[in-house]
Amino acid sequence: MSKVPDGESEKDSENDSGFIVKQEPIAAKPDRRPRFLIALLLLSIGVGIGLLIASIMREPGDSQAIASGQDSHQHSASISVACQPSYESTPHPKMVHDCGSDIASAKAADCVFDMLSHTWVPKPCHDSETDAEFREWIFNPNRTGGAFPYFLSSTLSANTHIDGIDALSAIPGDTWIWSHGEEHVGHCIFVVRRIHRALEGKFRWSDDVANFDHTSHCAHEMLESILEKAPLRRFEGATVTLKVKFDKCTH
């Protein structure tokens, strides 16, 4: 039996046949945790740099300051300027257009007479389309009261008839004007058309159009006409009163 040299007793061993078996030392498994932590750290750094670059690219003021090599004070100033509100997007202050309280002030304010509402209205808030529609209807000679049925008396007599729009628009606001009930219902029907056009943004609201009390009154009058005045063309005995008004609006 051969002697095992010193220093190799932990490496070699003798088997059952008496031969010395050479055993290679078993290498210890490397610890991979440090490498994993390093990789994770590098990944985190990379993501952080990417986010920083993305944020810089989203802020033109910041990227320009960095590219030009400005100091930290200049860089802060560029951020402050970038965060200021844009005055181009600030809405312009609204203007009030007022036709006053008499014909002279209405004409001085460049208001126009709206036949549908019997009102002097500021031009920026005048719905000329429904005004023209109502004028065409009110001048129709086949209507119950005839063409342009406006009078200065409840008798609706010919000698008190108002001769045309110019004469009607010149009547002071404290004077009562008389007409047939048919005119009143027709007025309310065209007002509904006007309100719908306003909702579509076809023209700007005026105080008269936005008056809910008037809308409610018109709805009531139309219902009453259907229930009590059938057929609808029987308005000979019905009369209504109105006055010339002076409107205003804001835009």
Protein backbone atom coordinates (compact mmCIF):
# COMPACT_ATOMS: atom_id res chain seq x y z
CA MET A 1 0.00 0.00 0.00
CA SER A 2 1.52 3.25 -1.06
CA LYS A 3 1.77 6.15 1.29
CA VAL A 4 -0.15 9.20 0.57
CA PRO A 5 2.10 12.21 0.31
CA ASP A 6 1.66 14.92 2.87
CA GLY A 7 -0.62 17.72 1.85
CA GLU A 8 -2.79 15.53 -0.31
CA SER A 9 -4.74 13.67 2.36
CA GLU A 10 -7.77 15.93 1.85
CA LYS A 11 -7.66 15.47 -1.89
CA ASP A 12 -6.78 11.73 -2.35
CA SER A 13 -8.34 8.61 -0.88
CA GLU A 14 -7.71 4.90 -1.10
CA ASN A 15 -10.45 2.73 -2.54
CA ASP A 16 -11.23 -0.90 -1.85
CA SER A 17 -8.67 -2.18 -4.41
CA GLY A 18 -5.83 -0.38 -2.73
CA PHE A 19 -5.31 2.12 -5.48
CA ILE A 20 -5.03 5.75 -4.63
CA VAL A 21 -7.84 7.73 -6.17
CA LYS A 22 -7.00 11.30 -7.10
CA GLN A 23 -9.85 13.66 -6.07
CA GLU A 24 -9.98 17.08 -7.61
CA PRO A 25 -10.90 19.77 -5.13
CA ILE A 26 -14.57 20.82 -5.44
CA ALA A 27 -14.72 24.46 -6.38
CA ALA A 28 -17.09 26.58 -4.30
CA LYS A 29 -20.11 28.02 -6.20
CA PRO A 30 -19.69 31.71 -6.84
CA ASP A 31 -22.11 34.05 -5.01
CA ARG A 32 -24.13 35.80 -7.75
CA ARG A 33 -26.05 38.15 -5.49
CA PRO A 34 -23.55 41.03 -5.78
CA ARG A 35 -23.80 40.90 -9.58
CA PHE A 36 -27.61 40.96 -9.44
CA LEU A 37 -27.59 43.95 -7.12
CA ILE A 38 -25.15 45.79 -9.37
CA ALA A 39 -27.30 45.09 -12.42
CA LEU A 40 -30.39 46.29 -10.59
CA LEU A 41 -28.58 49.44 -9.53
CA LEU A 42 -27.44 50.15 -13.09
CA LEU A 43 -30.96 49.58 -14.41
CA SER A 44 -32.39 51.99 -11.85
CA ILE A 45 -29.81 54.61 -12.77
CA GLY A 46 -30.63 54.17 -16.46
CA VAL A 47 -34.36 54.55 -15.89
CA GLY A 48 -33.79 57.64 -13.77
CA ILE A 49 -31.62 59.23 -16.44
CA GLY A 50 -34.25 58.44 -19.08
CA LEU A 51 -37.01 60.05 -17.05
CA LEU A 52 -34.84 63.10 -16.41
CA ILE A 53 -34.12 63.51 -20.13
CA ALA A 54 -37.81 63.11 -20.97
CA SER A 55 -38.81 65.76 -18.44
CA ILE A 56 -36.19 68.14 -19.81
CA MET A 57 -37.43 67.63 -23.38
CA ARG A 58 -40.99 68.47 -22.28
CA GLU A 59 -39.91 71.84 -20.91
CA PRO A 60 -38.47 74.00 -23.72
CA GLY A 61 -37.32 76.67 -21.28
CA ASP A 62 -35.25 74.15 -19.29
CA SER A 63 -33.62 72.50 -22.31
CA GLN A 64 -32.68 75.85 -23.81
CA ALA A 65 -31.09 76.95 -20.55
CA ILE A 66 -29.03 73.74 -20.28
CA ALA A 67 -27.98 73.84 -23.94
CA SER A 68 -26.77 77.42 -23.68
CA GLY A 69 -24.71 76.70 -20.57
CA GLN A 70 -26.49 79.24 -18.39
CA ASP A 71 -25.93 79.15 -14.66
CA SER A 72 -28.49 77.91 -12.13
CA HIS A 73 -29.91 81.39 -11.56
CA GLN A 74 -30.63 81.90 -15.25
CA HIS A 75 -32.07 78.40 -15.46
CA SER A 76 -34.52 79.15 -12.62
CA ALA A 77 -35.50 82.38 -14.34
CA SER A 78 -36.28 80.53 -17.58
CA ILE A 79 -38.58 78.15 -15.67
CA SER A 80 -40.36 81.11 -14.07
CA VAL A 81 -40.95 82.72 -17.47
CA ALA A 82 -42.18 79.44 -18.96
CA CYS A 83 -44.77 79.08 -16.19
CA GLN A 84 -46.29 82.52 -16.68
CA PRO A 85 -49.87 82.55 -18.11
CA SER A 86 -50.35 83.24 -21.79
CA TYR A 87 -52.07 86.58 -22.25
CA GLU A 88 -53.15 85.59 -25.75
CA SER A 89 -55.56 83.01 -24.30
CA THR A 90 -57.07 85.43 -21.77
CA PRO A 91 -60.67 86.27 -22.83
CA HIS A 92 -61.37 89.87 -23.70
CA PRO A 93 -63.50 91.80 -21.22
CA LYS A 94 -67.19 91.75 -22.10
CA MET A 95 -68.89 94.90 -23.33
CA VAL A 96 -72.40 96.03 -22.43
CA HIS A 97 -74.47 97.46 -25.28
CA ASP A 98 -77.40 99.51 -24.00
CA CYS A 99 -80.08 101.18 -26.10
CA GLY A 100 -81.06 103.47 -23.26
CA SER A 101 -84.64 104.38 -22.44
CA ASP A 102 -85.80 106.48 -25.38
CA ILE A 103 -85.58 106.66 -29.14
CA ALA A 104 -82.87 109.32 -29.19
CA SER A 105 -80.54 107.26 -26.98
CA ALA A 106 -81.30 104.11 -28.99
CA LYS A 107 -80.33 105.78 -32.26
CA ALA A 108 -77.26 107.34 -30.66
CA ALA A 109 -76.18 103.85 -29.57
CA ASP A 110 -76.64 102.58 -33.15
CA CYS A 111 -79.44 100.22 -32.12
CA VAL A 112 -81.91 98.76 -34.64
CA PHE A 113 -85.66 98.32 -34.31
CA ASP A 114 -86.68 94.67 -34.05
CA MET A 115 -90.25 94.21 -35.28
CA LEU A 116 -90.73 90.79 -33.66
CA SER A 117 -90.15 92.10 -30.13
CA HIS A 118 -91.22 95.71 -30.84
CA THR A 119 -87.88 96.64 -29.29
CA TRP A 120 -84.80 98.71 -30.05
CA VAL A 121 -81.95 96.16 -29.91
CA PRO A 122 -78.14 96.56 -30.01
CA LYS A 123 -76.78 95.47 -33.38
CA PRO A 124 -74.39 92.84 -31.93
CA CYS A 125 -77.37 91.02 -30.39
CA HIS A 126 -80.00 91.45 -33.11
CA ASP A 127 -81.39 88.33 -34.79
CA SER A 128 -82.18 89.70 -38.21
CA GLU A 129 -83.42 86.33 -39.52
CA THR A 130 -86.44 85.91 -37.26
CA ASP A 131 -87.07 89.64 -37.48
CA ALA A 132 -87.34 89.34 -41.28
CA GLU A 133 -89.56 86.25 -40.97
CA PHE A 134 -91.97 88.04 -38.65
CA ARG A 135 -92.05 91.15 -40.85
CA GLU A 136 -93.05 89.02 -43.82
CA TRP A 137 -95.80 87.39 -41.79
CA ILE A 138 -97.13 90.60 -40.22
CA PHE A 139 -97.47 92.31 -43.62
CA ASN A 140 -99.51 89.43 -45.09
CA PRO A 141 -102.90 90.93 -46.07
CA ASN A 142 -104.62 87.56 -45.65
CA ARG A 143 -104.22 87.61 -41.89
CA THR A 144 -107.29 88.05 -39.66
CA GLY A 145 -106.47 91.65 -38.80
CA GLY A 146 -105.06 92.47 -42.21
CA ALA A 147 -101.56 93.69 -42.92
CA PHE A 148 -99.71 95.38 -40.08
CA PRO A 149 -102.54 95.43 -37.50
CA TYR A 150 -101.24 98.01 -35.02
CA PHE A 151 -103.39 100.79 -33.60
CA LEU A 152 -103.34 103.60 -31.05
CA SER A 153 -106.79 102.71 -29.71
CA SER A 154 -108.53 99.64 -28.34
CA THR A 155 -111.24 100.16 -30.94
CA LEU A 156 -108.75 99.18 -33.65
CA SER A 157 -110.38 101.78 -35.86
CA ALA A 158 -108.87 102.81 -39.17
CA ASN A 159 -108.21 106.38 -38.06
CA THR A 160 -105.94 105.08 -35.25
CA HIS A 161 -104.00 102.66 -37.46
CA ILE A 162 -100.20 102.97 -37.26
CA ASP A 163 -98.80 103.31 -40.75
CA GLY A 164 -95.74 101.08 -40.99
CA ILE A 165 -92.64 100.10 -39.04
CA ASP A 166 -91.02 103.54 -39.05
CA ALA A 167 -94.11 105.05 -37.44
CA LEU A 168 -94.33 102.23 -34.89
CA SER A 169 -90.66 102.47 -33.92
CA ALA A 170 -91.01 106.23 -33.33
CA ILE A 171 -93.74 105.84 -30.71
CA PRO A 172 -92.46 106.67 -27.19
CA GLY A 173 -92.00 103.81 -24.77
CA ASP A 174 -94.74 105.00 -22.42
CA THR A 175 -97.50 104.83 -25.07
CA TRP A 176 -99.81 101.81 -25.34
CA ILE A 177 -100.21 100.14 -28.74
CA TRP A 178 -103.13 97.83 -29.60
CA SER A 179 -103.38 94.85 -31.94
CA HIS A 180 -105.37 91.70 -32.66
CA GLY A 181 -104.92 88.55 -30.58
CA GLU A 182 -103.60 86.82 -33.69
CA GLU A 183 -100.60 89.14 -33.71
CA HIS A 184 -99.83 88.16 -30.14
CA VAL A 185 -99.91 84.41 -30.82
CA GLY A 186 -97.86 84.86 -33.99
CA HIS A 187 -95.32 86.89 -32.03
CA CYS A 188 -94.97 84.07 -29.48
CA ILE A 189 -94.52 81.42 -32.18
CA PHE A 190 -91.70 83.36 -33.82
CA VAL A 191 -90.11 83.96 -30.40
CA VAL A 192 -89.81 80.17 -30.04
CA ARG A 193 -87.91 80.08 -33.34
CA ARG A 194 -85.67 82.88 -32.10
CA ILE A 195 -84.85 81.12 -28.83
CA HIS A 196 -83.86 77.97 -30.73
CA ARG A 197 -81.55 80.00 -32.98
CA ALA A 198 -79.97 81.52 -29.89
CA LEU A 199 -79.38 78.05 -28.44
CA GLU A 200 -77.63 77.09 -31.68
CA GLY A 201 -75.33 80.09 -31.29
CA LYS A 202 -76.70 81.89 -34.36
CA PHE A 203 -76.75 85.20 -32.47
CA ARG A 204 -76.00 86.59 -29.02
CA TRP A 205 -78.61 86.66 -26.30
CA SER A 206 -80.15 90.00 -25.43
CA ASP A 207 -81.93 90.71 -22.16
CA ASP A 208 -85.31 90.52 -23.88
CA VAL A 209 -84.67 87.08 -25.41
CA ALA A 210 -83.25 85.76 -22.14
CA ASN A 211 -86.29 86.89 -20.15
CA PHE A 212 -87.90 83.66 -18.88
CA ASP A 213 -91.04 85.47 -17.69
CA HIS A 214 -91.74 86.46 -21.28
CA THR A 215 -91.17 82.90 -22.51
CA SER A 216 -93.51 81.54 -19.86
CA HIS A 217 -96.12 84.14 -20.79
CA CYS A 218 -95.91 83.18 -24.48
CA ALA A 219 -96.29 79.49 -23.69
CA HIS A 220 -99.42 80.25 -21.66
CA GLU A 221 -100.90 82.43 -24.41
CA MET A 222 -100.41 79.76 -27.07
CA LEU A 223 -102.06 77.13 -24.90
CA GLU A 224 -104.97 79.44 -24.12
CA SER A 225 -105.41 80.18 -27.81
CA ILE A 226 -105.67 76.49 -28.61
CA LEU A 227 -108.14 75.77 -25.81
CA GLU A 228 -110.37 78.85 -25.99
CA LYS A 229 -110.13 80.29 -29.49
CA ALA A 230 -110.75 77.36 -31.84
CA PRO A 231 -110.52 77.65 -34.73
CA LEU A 232 -107.34 79.67 -34.31
CA ARG A 233 -108.26 82.35 -36.84
CA ARG A 234 -111.16 83.68 -34.73
CA PHE A 235 -109.40 86.64 -33.12
CA GLU A 236 -111.78 89.40 -34.18
CA GLY A 237 -112.91 90.13 -30.63
CA ALA A 238 -109.52 89.68 -28.96
CA THR A 239 -107.12 92.56 -28.48
CA VAL A 240 -103.67 92.84 -26.93
CA THR A 241 -101.55 95.74 -25.77
CA LEU A 242 -97.84 96.34 -26.14
CA LYS A 243 -95.23 99.06 -25.84
CA VAL A 244 -92.03 99.91 -27.67
CA LYS A 245 -89.10 98.72 -25.52
CA PHE A 246 -85.37 99.36 -25.29
CA ASP A 247 -83.06 96.37 -24.93
CA LYS A 248 -79.45 95.77 -23.92
CA CYS A 249 -76.99 92.90 -24.16
CA THR A 250 -73.49 91.86 -23.14
CA HIS A 251 -70.85 90.26 -25.37
